[in-house]
Amino acid sequence: MKDPPSATHGDFPWFAWMASASLALVVATVLRRKGCQWRLAVLRCVNVLRRFVWLPWYFCRRSAWEDPEVFADRKLPAHAPLRFYPNAKAAKERGPSPSVLDLGKQLWRFRLFPSPRAVEASVQIRERSFSDKDWDEVPVPSNWQMLGFSPPVYTNVSFPFTPVPLLMAPFVGRNNPAGVYRTLFDVPAEWMRGRRARLVFHAVGPAVMVWVDGQYVGYSQDSMTAAEFDITDALRSGGRSQQVIGTPQSTTALLADQAEHVLVAMVPTWCDGSYLED
């Protein structure tokens, strides 16, 4: 499976700030000499300046959580809440779905990283072989700020983070701690016969990037709506190969076979969508 939709990049080019300031003075001076009112000159200057400031930034390679053009990757289309039953009789009984595994009933391992880039650099944390015994245990769903990992953040109308100049928005700065959640789960082999496995997050804010057995499976950036991903291929390639009884020897199904899989979710504190939340 391919990597996330974009890669990391350096900071915003410093020369853009100096060039932008110089351009602003030039444009304002030219408009003033032409007899334009100062308010109109400022508005026109801002319009030109905004285009110029974004020009070098546009050509930088941005990560998904800071790219306004990326708000989902490999995320399945939204649909009404569904329950799954093996037959009509079981559905009429309206009991719990027998083929749904609720990962919220167990504690997850958690570690707060200084930034999403630090998480991307730590490739080993996505692998099943990685030991997270020294990580903290947290319930899911939960909020790491309310659990004491960082100061609680709440504002009414102002931005909860230090805003960058208006012309630069939506720019996600360096001060962007990212929480990483890890958990192990088993998938019965019979669940994988002729079926697809889907992973559902009912709400993650402000964004989430997901790996299963070290393989990238998707990205979502919509805090209060469900994010659903198809993880069938990741489970099959990450599990052991098992020969299905009653089938020709040449036919081998890649099944999880009760293999322990690892789910890793990275949640940044801020993303480009944070500018629309306040």
C-alpha atoms as a PDB file:
ATOM      1  CA  MET A   1       0.000   0.000   0.000  1.00  0.00           C
ATOM      2  CA  LYS A   2       1.301   3.455  -0.843  1.00  0.00           C
ATOM      3  CA  ASP A   3       2.291   6.130   1.638  1.00  0.00           C
ATOM      4  CA  PRO A   4       0.073   9.001   2.875  1.00  0.00           C
ATOM      5  CA  PRO A   5      -0.983  11.509   0.209  1.00  0.00           C
ATOM      6  CA  SER A   6       1.771  14.034   0.933  1.00  0.00           C
ATOM      7  CA  ALA A   7       5.132  14.361   2.594  1.00  0.00           C
ATOM      8  CA  THR A   8       6.747  16.680   5.105  1.00  0.00           C
ATOM      9  CA  HIS A   9       8.391  19.914   4.124  1.00  0.00           C
ATOM     10  CA  GLY A  10      10.543  22.660   5.599  1.00  0.00           C
ATOM     11  CA  ASP A  11       9.293  25.796   7.248  1.00  0.00           C
ATOM     12  CA  PHE A  12       7.714  28.569   5.242  1.00  0.00           C
ATOM     13  CA  PRO A  13      10.536  30.207   3.233  1.00  0.00           C
ATOM     14  CA  TRP A  14      11.939  33.089   5.279  1.00  0.00           C
ATOM     15  CA  PHE A  15      12.616  35.130   2.189  1.00  0.00           C
ATOM     16  CA  ALA A  16       8.879  35.215   1.469  1.00  0.00           C
ATOM     17  CA  TRP A  17       8.301  37.352   4.553  1.00  0.00           C
ATOM     18  CA  MET A  18      10.922  39.915   3.516  1.00  0.00           C
ATOM     19  CA  ALA A  19       9.805  39.918  -0.095  1.00  0.00           C
ATOM     20  CA  SER A  20       6.159  40.275   0.946  1.00  0.00           C
ATOM     21  CA  ALA A  21       6.903  43.269   3.139  1.00  0.00           C
ATOM     22  CA  SER A  22       8.880  44.942   0.367  1.00  0.00           C
ATOM     23  CA  LEU A  23       6.146  44.259  -2.152  1.00  0.00           C
ATOM     24  CA  ALA A  24       3.535  45.707   0.187  1.00  0.00           C
ATOM     25  CA  LEU A  25       5.447  48.968   0.465  1.00  0.00           C
ATOM     26  CA  VAL A  26       5.948  49.185  -3.295  1.00  0.00           C
ATOM     27  CA  VAL A  27       2.318  48.494  -4.125  1.00  0.00           C
ATOM     28  CA  ALA A  28       1.019  50.910  -1.495  1.00  0.00           C
ATOM     29  CA  THR A  29       3.367  53.641  -2.714  1.00  0.00           C
ATOM     30  CA  VAL A  30       2.398  53.171  -6.363  1.00  0.00           C
ATOM     31  CA  LEU A  31      -1.313  53.217  -5.591  1.00  0.00           C
ATOM     32  CA  ARG A  32      -0.914  56.267  -3.398  1.00  0.00           C
ATOM     33  CA  ARG A  33       0.865  58.184  -6.127  1.00  0.00           C
ATOM     34  CA  LYS A  34      -1.931  57.347  -8.522  1.00  0.00           C
ATOM     35  CA  GLY A  35      -4.324  59.208  -6.258  1.00  0.00           C
ATOM     36  CA  CYS A  36      -6.103  56.182  -4.770  1.00  0.00           C
ATOM     37  CA  GLN A  37      -7.662  56.616  -1.357  1.00  0.00           C
ATOM     38  CA  TRP A  38      -5.551  55.025   1.357  1.00  0.00           C
ATOM     39  CA  ARG A  39      -8.263  52.509   2.336  1.00  0.00           C
ATOM     40  CA  LEU A  40      -8.624  51.343  -1.249  1.00  0.00           C
ATOM     41  CA  ALA A  41      -4.834  51.233  -1.575  1.00  0.00           C
ATOM     42  CA  VAL A  42      -4.601  48.985   1.474  1.00  0.00           C
ATOM     43  CA  LEU A  43      -7.273  46.624   0.149  1.00  0.00           C
ATOM     44  CA  ARG A  44      -5.589  46.333  -3.212  1.00  0.00           C
ATOM     45  CA  CYS A  45      -2.235  45.845  -1.556  1.00  0.00           C
ATOM     46  CA  VAL A  46      -3.611  43.068   0.623  1.00  0.00           C
ATOM     47  CA  ASN A  47      -5.094  41.316  -2.402  1.00  0.00           C
ATOM     48  CA  VAL A  48      -1.777  41.380  -4.274  1.00  0.00           C
ATOM     49  CA  LEU A  49       0.203  40.499  -1.178  1.00  0.00           C
ATOM     50  CA  ARG A  50      -1.944  37.468  -0.437  1.00  0.00           C
ATOM     51  CA  ARG A  51      -1.307  36.020  -3.865  1.00  0.00           C
ATOM     52  CA  PHE A  52       2.417  36.676  -3.593  1.00  0.00           C
ATOM     53  CA  VAL A  53       2.805  35.215  -0.096  1.00  0.00           C
ATOM     54  CA  TRP A  54       1.099  31.982  -1.096  1.00  0.00           C
ATOM     55  CA  LEU A  55       3.153  31.548  -4.258  1.00  0.00           C
ATOM     56  CA  PRO A  56       6.285  29.945  -2.714  1.00  0.00           C
ATOM     57  CA  TRP A  57       4.166  28.085  -0.133  1.00  0.00           C
ATOM     58  CA  TYR A  58       2.039  26.591  -2.898  1.00  0.00           C
ATOM     59  CA  PHE A  59       5.025  24.786  -4.343  1.00  0.00           C
ATOM     60  CA  CYS A  60       6.122  23.330  -1.001  1.00  0.00           C
ATOM     61  CA  ARG A  61       5.141  19.728  -0.272  1.00  0.00           C
ATOM     62  CA  ARG A  62       2.598  19.826   2.516  1.00  0.00           C
ATOM     63  CA  SER A  63       1.406  17.044   4.780  1.00  0.00           C
ATOM     64  CA  ALA A  64      -2.239  16.065   4.798  1.00  0.00           C
ATOM     65  CA  TRP A  65      -3.098  17.851   8.041  1.00  0.00           C
ATOM     66  CA  GLU A  66      -1.845  21.200   6.695  1.00  0.00           C
ATOM     67  CA  ASP A  67      -3.022  20.981   3.100  1.00  0.00           C
ATOM     68  CA  PRO A  68      -6.405  22.669   2.465  1.00  0.00           C
ATOM     69  CA  GLU A  69      -6.878  20.482  -0.604  1.00  0.00           C
ATOM     70  CA  VAL A  70      -6.674  17.230   1.405  1.00  0.00           C
ATOM     71  CA  PHE A  71      -9.394  16.441   3.936  1.00  0.00           C
ATOM     72  CA  ALA A  72      -9.726  12.687   3.364  1.00  0.00           C
ATOM     73  CA  ASP A  73      -7.731   9.857   1.827  1.00  0.00           C
ATOM     74  CA  ARG A  74      -9.047   6.299   1.316  1.00  0.00           C
ATOM     75  CA  LYS A  75     -11.999   7.240   3.480  1.00  0.00           C
ATOM     76  CA  LEU A  76     -15.144   5.361   2.489  1.00  0.00           C
ATOM     77  CA  PRO A  77     -18.285   7.311   1.560  1.00  0.00           C
ATOM     78  CA  ALA A  78     -20.549   8.269   4.448  1.00  0.00           C
ATOM     79  CA  HIS A  79     -23.745   6.297   5.008  1.00  0.00           C
ATOM     80  CA  ALA A  80     -26.482   5.753   7.560  1.00  0.00           C
ATOM     81  CA  PRO A  81     -25.549   3.724  10.686  1.00  0.00           C
ATOM     82  CA  LEU A  82     -25.718   0.013   9.925  1.00  0.00           C
ATOM     83  CA  ARG A  83     -25.747  -3.257  11.852  1.00  0.00           C
ATOM     84  CA  PHE A  84     -24.467  -6.523  10.478  1.00  0.00           C
ATOM     85  CA  TYR A  85     -26.042  -9.946  11.004  1.00  0.00           C
ATOM     86  CA  PRO A  86     -25.358 -13.342   9.429  1.00  0.00           C
ATOM     87  CA  ASN A  87     -29.020 -13.922   8.538  1.00  0.00           C
ATOM     88  CA  ALA A  88     -32.527 -12.434   8.707  1.00  0.00           C
ATOM     89  CA  LYS A  89     -33.428 -14.346  11.865  1.00  0.00           C
ATOM     90  CA  ALA A  90     -30.544 -12.845  13.806  1.00  0.00           C
ATOM     91  CA  ALA A  91     -31.427  -9.398  12.501  1.00  0.00           C
ATOM     92  CA  LYS A  92     -35.019  -9.692  13.719  1.00  0.00           C
ATOM     93  CA  GLU A  93     -33.786 -10.455  17.221  1.00  0.00           C
ATOM     94  CA  ARG A  94     -32.073  -7.040  17.246  1.00  0.00           C
ATOM     95  CA  GLY A  95     -29.165  -8.218  19.326  1.00  0.00           C
ATOM     96  CA  PRO A  96     -25.587  -6.956  19.081  1.00  0.00           C
ATOM     97  CA  SER A  97     -23.906  -7.584  15.752  1.00  0.00           C
ATOM     98  CA  PRO A  98     -21.851 -10.781  16.085  1.00  0.00           C
ATOM     99  CA  SER A  99     -19.195  -9.676  13.593  1.00  0.00           C
ATOM    100  CA  VAL A 100     -18.391  -6.297  15.122  1.00  0.00           C
ATOM    101  CA  LEU A 101     -15.354  -5.916  17.355  1.00  0.00           C
ATOM    102  CA  ASP A 102     -15.599  -2.965  19.758  1.00  0.00           C
ATOM    103  CA  LEU A 103     -12.059  -1.774  20.441  1.00  0.00           C
ATOM    104  CA  GLY A 104     -13.365   0.791  22.933  1.00  0.00           C
ATOM    105  CA  LYS A 105     -13.767  -1.929  25.564  1.00  0.00           C
ATOM    106  CA  GLN A 106     -10.021  -2.153  26.092  1.00  0.00           C
ATOM    107  CA  LEU A 107      -7.317   0.278  27.146  1.00  0.00           C
ATOM    108  CA  TRP A 108      -5.093   1.724  24.441  1.00  0.00           C
ATOM    109  CA  ARG A 109      -1.421   2.653  24.679  1.00  0.00           C
ATOM    110  CA  PHE A 110      -0.765   6.365  24.302  1.00  0.00           C
ATOM    111  CA  ARG A 111       2.216   8.662  23.804  1.00  0.00           C
ATOM    112  CA  LEU A 112       2.222  12.409  23.130  1.00  0.00           C
ATOM    113  CA  PHE A 113       4.775  13.486  20.523  1.00  0.00           C
ATOM    114  CA  PRO A 114       5.959  17.082  19.992  1.00  0.00           C
ATOM    115  CA  SER A 115       4.624  17.220  16.419  1.00  0.00           C
ATOM    116  CA  PRO A 116       3.142  15.094  13.607  1.00  0.00           C
ATOM    117  CA  ARG A 117       6.517  15.210  11.874  1.00  0.00           C
ATOM    118  CA  ALA A 118       8.062  13.477  14.876  1.00  0.00           C
ATOM    119  CA  VAL A 119       5.452  10.733  14.505  1.00  0.00           C
ATOM    120  CA  GLU A 120       6.196  10.335  10.799  1.00  0.00           C
ATOM    121  CA  ALA A 121       9.887   9.995  11.594  1.00  0.00           C
ATOM    122  CA  SER A 122       9.202   7.245  14.153  1.00  0.00           C
ATOM    123  CA  VAL A 123       8.306   4.546  11.639  1.00  0.00           C
ATOM    124  CA  GLN A 124       8.955   1.735  14.121  1.00  0.00           C
ATOM    125  CA  ILE A 125       5.972   2.657  16.324  1.00  0.00           C
ATOM    126  CA  ARG A 126       3.601   1.462  13.579  1.00  0.00           C
ATOM    127  CA  GLU A 127       5.015  -2.070  13.503  1.00  0.00           C
ATOM    128  CA  ARG A 128       3.713  -5.045  15.483  1.00  0.00           C
ATOM    129  CA  SER A 129       7.225  -5.757  16.727  1.00  0.00           C
ATOM    130  CA  PHE A 130       7.466  -2.388  18.504  1.00  0.00           C
ATOM    131  CA  SER A 131       7.280  -2.545  22.299  1.00  0.00           C
ATOM    132  CA  ASP A 132       5.022   0.102  23.855  1.00  0.00           C
ATOM    133  CA  LYS A 133       5.230  -1.200  27.425  1.00  0.00           C
ATOM    134  CA  ASP A 134       6.538   2.125  28.685  1.00  0.00           C
ATOM    135  CA  TRP A 135       3.650   4.053  27.110  1.00  0.00           C
ATOM    136  CA  ASP A 136       0.661   5.231  29.132  1.00  0.00           C
ATOM    137  CA  GLU A 137      -2.698   3.434  29.056  1.00  0.00           C
ATOM    138  CA  VAL A 138      -5.799   5.470  28.255  1.00  0.00           C
ATOM    139  CA  PRO A 139      -9.471   4.689  27.608  1.00  0.00           C
ATOM    140  CA  VAL A 140     -10.913   5.279  24.162  1.00  0.00           C
ATOM    141  CA  PRO A 141     -12.890   7.402  23.564  1.00  0.00           C
ATOM    142  CA  SER A 142     -11.224  10.080  25.688  1.00  0.00           C
ATOM    143  CA  ASN A 143      -9.456  13.437  25.477  1.00  0.00           C
ATOM    144  CA  TRP A 144      -5.765  13.495  26.312  1.00  0.00           C
ATOM    145  CA  GLN A 145      -6.041  17.092  27.566  1.00  0.00           C
ATOM    146  CA  MET A 146      -8.623  16.028  30.129  1.00  0.00           C
ATOM    147  CA  LEU A 147      -6.338  13.148  31.120  1.00  0.00           C
ATOM    148  CA  GLY A 148      -3.551  15.552  32.025  1.00  0.00           C
ATOM    149  CA  PHE A 149      -1.161  15.043  29.113  1.00  0.00           C
ATOM    150  CA  SER A 150      -1.373  18.711  28.092  1.00  0.00           C
ATOM    151  CA  PRO A 151      -3.221  21.831  29.331  1.00  0.00           C
ATOM    152  CA  PRO A 152      -6.931  21.926  28.418  1.00  0.00           C
ATOM    153  CA  VAL A 153      -7.713  24.222  25.502  1.00  0.00           C
ATOM    154  CA  TYR A 154     -11.050  25.954  25.145  1.00  0.00           C
ATOM    155  CA  THR A 155     -12.029  29.280  23.621  1.00  0.00           C
ATOM    156  CA  ASN A 156     -15.350  30.811  22.706  1.00  0.00           C
ATOM    157  CA  VAL A 157     -14.700  32.924  19.618  1.00  0.00           C
ATOM    158  CA  SER A 158     -10.937  33.473  19.367  1.00  0.00           C
ATOM    159  CA  PHE A 159      -8.435  31.028  17.939  1.00  0.00           C
ATOM    160  CA  PRO A 160      -7.184  28.535  20.559  1.00  0.00           C
ATOM    161  CA  PHE A 161      -3.681  28.694  19.059  1.00  0.00           C
ATOM    162  CA  THR A 162      -1.340  31.546  18.255  1.00  0.00           C
ATOM    163  CA  PRO A 163      -2.608  32.718  14.871  1.00  0.00           C
ATOM    164  CA  VAL A 164      -0.230  33.338  12.017  1.00  0.00           C
ATOM    165  CA  PRO A 165      -0.647  36.452   9.870  1.00  0.00           C
ATOM    166  CA  LEU A 166      -4.006  36.437   8.164  1.00  0.00           C
ATOM    167  CA  LEU A 167      -2.464  36.225   4.728  1.00  0.00           C
ATOM    168  CA  MET A 168      -0.746  32.962   5.701  1.00  0.00           C
ATOM    169  CA  ALA A 169      -3.810  31.067   6.913  1.00  0.00           C
ATOM    170  CA  PRO A 170      -4.303  28.171   7.051  1.00  0.00           C
ATOM    171  CA  PHE A 171      -0.710  27.621   8.185  1.00  0.00           C
ATOM    172  CA  VAL A 172      -0.092  24.987  10.883  1.00  0.00           C
ATOM    173  CA  GLY A 173       2.899  25.979  12.990  1.00  0.00           C
ATOM    174  CA  ARG A 174       5.520  23.950  14.817  1.00  0.00           C
ATOM    175  CA  ASN A 175       3.719  23.996  18.157  1.00  0.00           C
ATOM    176  CA  ASN A 176       1.403  21.147  17.238  1.00  0.00           C
ATOM    177  CA  PRO A 177       1.622  18.176  19.639  1.00  0.00           C
ATOM    178  CA  ALA A 178       0.357  14.890  18.210  1.00  0.00           C
ATOM    179  CA  GLY A 179      -1.073  11.978  20.157  1.00  0.00           C
ATOM    180  CA  VAL A 180      -0.398   8.408  19.034  1.00  0.00           C
ATOM    181  CA  TYR A 181      -2.787   5.635  20.053  1.00  0.00           C
ATOM    182  CA  ARG A 182      -1.831   1.946  19.726  1.00  0.00           C
ATOM    183  CA  THR A 183      -3.865  -1.165  20.379  1.00  0.00           C
ATOM    184  CA  LEU A 184      -3.795  -4.849  19.487  1.00  0.00           C
ATOM    185  CA  PHE A 185      -6.780  -6.814  18.209  1.00  0.00           C
ATOM    186  CA  ASP A 186      -7.652 -10.256  16.845  1.00  0.00           C
ATOM    187  CA  VAL A 187      -9.808 -10.998  13.815  1.00  0.00           C
ATOM    188  CA  PRO A 188     -11.352 -14.491  13.661  1.00  0.00           C
ATOM    189  CA  ALA A 189     -10.457 -16.305  10.455  1.00  0.00           C
ATOM    190  CA  GLU A 190     -14.100 -17.037   9.598  1.00  0.00           C
ATOM    191  CA  TRP A 191     -14.854 -13.300   9.530  1.00  0.00           C
ATOM    192  CA  MET A 192     -12.461 -12.863   6.620  1.00  0.00           C
ATOM    193  CA  ARG A 193     -13.907 -15.570   4.347  1.00  0.00           C
ATOM    194  CA  GLY A 194     -15.595 -13.747   1.497  1.00  0.00           C
ATOM    195  CA  ARG A 195     -15.943 -10.528   3.479  1.00  0.00           C
ATOM    196  CA  ARG A 196     -14.334  -7.134   3.768  1.00  0.00           C
ATOM    197  CA  ALA A 197     -13.084  -5.738   7.072  1.00  0.00           C
ATOM    198  CA  ARG A 198     -13.792  -2.125   7.877  1.00  0.00           C
ATOM    199  CA  LEU A 199     -12.458   0.126  10.598  1.00  0.00           C
ATOM    200  CA  VAL A 200     -14.800   2.834  11.914  1.00  0.00           C
ATOM    201  CA  PHE A 201     -13.951   5.863  14.047  1.00  0.00           C
ATOM    202  CA  HIS A 202     -17.177   7.510  15.140  1.00  0.00           C
ATOM    203  CA  ALA A 203     -15.469  10.823  15.915  1.00  0.00           C
ATOM    204  CA  VAL A 204     -11.852  11.989  15.924  1.00  0.00           C
ATOM    205  CA  GLY A 205     -10.780  15.587  16.150  1.00  0.00           C
ATOM    206  CA  PRO A 206      -9.383  17.429  14.467  1.00  0.00           C
ATOM    207  CA  ALA A 207      -7.855  14.777  12.182  1.00  0.00           C
ATOM    208  CA  VAL A 208      -6.576  11.197  12.226  1.00  0.00           C
ATOM    209  CA  MET A 209      -4.045   9.217  10.215  1.00  0.00           C
ATOM    210  CA  VAL A 210      -4.273   5.428  10.548  1.00  0.00           C
ATOM    211  CA  TRP A 211      -1.913   2.473  10.112  1.00  0.00           C
ATOM    212  CA  VAL A 212      -2.661  -1.256  10.500  1.00  0.00           C
ATOM    213  CA  ASP A 213       0.284  -3.637  10.865  1.00  0.00           C
ATOM    214  CA  GLY A 214       2.582  -0.860   9.718  1.00  0.00           C
ATOM    215  CA  GLN A 215       0.618  -0.160   6.546  1.00  0.00           C
ATOM    216  CA  TYR A 216      -1.011   3.175   5.917  1.00  0.00           C
ATOM    217  CA  VAL A 217      -4.783   2.722   5.521  1.00  0.00           C
ATOM    218  CA  GLY A 218      -6.227   6.236   5.452  1.00  0.00           C
ATOM    219  CA  TYR A 219      -6.670   9.787   6.658  1.00  0.00           C
ATOM    220  CA  SER A 220      -9.716  11.735   7.809  1.00  0.00           C
ATOM    221  CA  GLN A 221     -10.225  15.359   8.768  1.00  0.00           C
ATOM    222  CA  ASP A 222     -13.768  15.830  10.023  1.00  0.00           C
ATOM    223  CA  SER A 223     -14.022  15.942  13.793  1.00  0.00           C
ATOM    224  CA  MET A 224     -17.628  15.022  14.498  1.00  0.00           C
ATOM    225  CA  THR A 225     -18.507  12.602  11.719  1.00  0.00           C
ATOM    226  CA  ALA A 226     -17.625   8.943  11.339  1.00  0.00           C
ATOM    227  CA  ALA A 227     -14.474   7.937   9.456  1.00  0.00           C
ATOM    228  CA  GLU A 228     -14.574   4.484   7.861  1.00  0.00           C
ATOM    229  CA  PHE A 229     -11.669   2.674   6.179  1.00  0.00           C
ATOM    230  CA  ASP A 230     -11.332  -0.666   4.407  1.00  0.00           C
ATOM    231  CA  ILE A 231      -8.483  -2.546   6.129  1.00  0.00           C
ATOM    232  CA  THR A 232      -8.957  -5.952   4.481  1.00  0.00           C
ATOM    233  CA  ASP A 233      -5.736  -5.869   2.476  1.00  0.00           C
ATOM    234  CA  ALA A 234      -3.710  -4.717   5.472  1.00  0.00           C
ATOM    235  CA  LEU A 235      -5.082  -7.552   7.620  1.00  0.00           C
ATOM    236  CA  ARG A 236      -4.412 -10.196   4.991  1.00  0.00           C
ATOM    237  CA  SER A 237      -0.892  -9.110   4.234  1.00  0.00           C
ATOM    238  CA  GLY A 238      -0.154  -8.649   7.913  1.00  0.00           C
ATOM    239  CA  GLY A 239      -1.567 -12.008   9.019  1.00  0.00           C
ATOM    240  CA  ARG A 240      -0.321 -15.540   8.452  1.00  0.00           C
ATOM    241  CA  SER A 241      -1.122 -17.535   5.357  1.00  0.00           C
ATOM    242  CA  GLN A 242      -3.616 -20.304   6.014  1.00  0.00           C
ATOM    243  CA  GLN A 243      -4.895 -23.009   3.688  1.00  0.00           C
ATOM    244  CA  VAL A 244      -8.685 -23.262   3.743  1.00  0.00           C
ATOM    245  CA  ILE A 245      -9.996 -26.778   4.413  1.00  0.00           C
ATOM    246  CA  GLY A 246     -11.891 -28.297   1.511  1.00  0.00           C
ATOM    247  CA  THR A 247     -10.240 -26.229  -1.199  1.00  0.00           C
ATOM    248  CA  PRO A 248      -7.552 -27.247  -3.681  1.00  0.00           C
ATOM    249  CA  GLN A 249      -4.018 -26.968  -2.403  1.00  0.00           C
ATOM    250  CA  SER A 250      -3.263 -24.328  -5.002  1.00  0.00           C
ATOM    251  CA  THR A 251      -5.935 -22.090  -3.525  1.00  0.00           C
ATOM    252  CA  THR A 252      -4.550 -20.328  -0.477  1.00  0.00           C
ATOM    253  CA  ALA A 253      -6.466 -17.651   1.400  1.00  0.00           C
ATOM    254  CA  LEU A 254      -4.571 -15.019   3.301  1.00  0.00           C
ATOM    255  CA  LEU A 255      -6.427 -14.907   6.597  1.00  0.00           C
ATOM    256  CA  ALA A 256      -5.689 -13.326   9.911  1.00  0.00           C
ATOM    257  CA  ASP A 257      -6.123 -16.716  11.652  1.00  0.00           C
ATOM    258  CA  GLN A 258      -6.422 -15.175  15.092  1.00  0.00           C
ATOM    259  CA  ALA A 259      -3.183 -13.291  14.445  1.00  0.00           C
ATOM    260  CA  GLU A 260      -2.633 -10.258  16.620  1.00  0.00           C
ATOM    261  CA  HIS A 261      -2.802  -7.069  14.600  1.00  0.00           C
ATOM    262  CA  VAL A 262      -1.713  -3.606  15.661  1.00  0.00           C
ATOM    263  CA  LEU A 263      -3.753  -0.464  15.039  1.00  0.00           C
ATOM    264  CA  VAL A 264      -1.981   2.893  15.243  1.00  0.00           C
ATOM    265  CA  ALA A 265      -3.779   6.243  15.041  1.00  0.00           C
ATOM    266  CA  MET A 266      -2.045   9.622  14.977  1.00  0.00           C
ATOM    267  CA  VAL A 267      -4.110  12.657  16.032  1.00  0.00           C
ATOM    268  CA  PRO A 268      -2.587  16.163  15.687  1.00  0.00           C
ATOM    269  CA  THR A 269      -3.685  19.005  17.949  1.00  0.00           C
ATOM    270  CA  TRP A 270      -4.225  21.351  15.005  1.00  0.00           C
ATOM    271  CA  CYS A 271      -4.778  21.012  11.289  1.00  0.00           C
ATOM    272  CA  ASP A 272      -5.709  23.408   8.503  1.00  0.00           C
ATOM    273  CA  GLY A 273      -9.369  22.745   9.334  1.00  0.00           C
ATOM    274  CA  SER A 274      -8.841  24.254  12.794  1.00  0.00           C
ATOM    275  CA  TYR A 275      -9.201  27.679  11.202  1.00  0.00           C
ATOM    276  CA  LEU A 276     -12.824  26.847  10.417  1.00  0.00           C
ATOM    277  CA  GLU A 277     -13.672  25.512  13.876  1.00  0.00           C
ATOM    278  CA  ASP A 278     -13.452  28.915  15.604  1.00  0.00           C
END
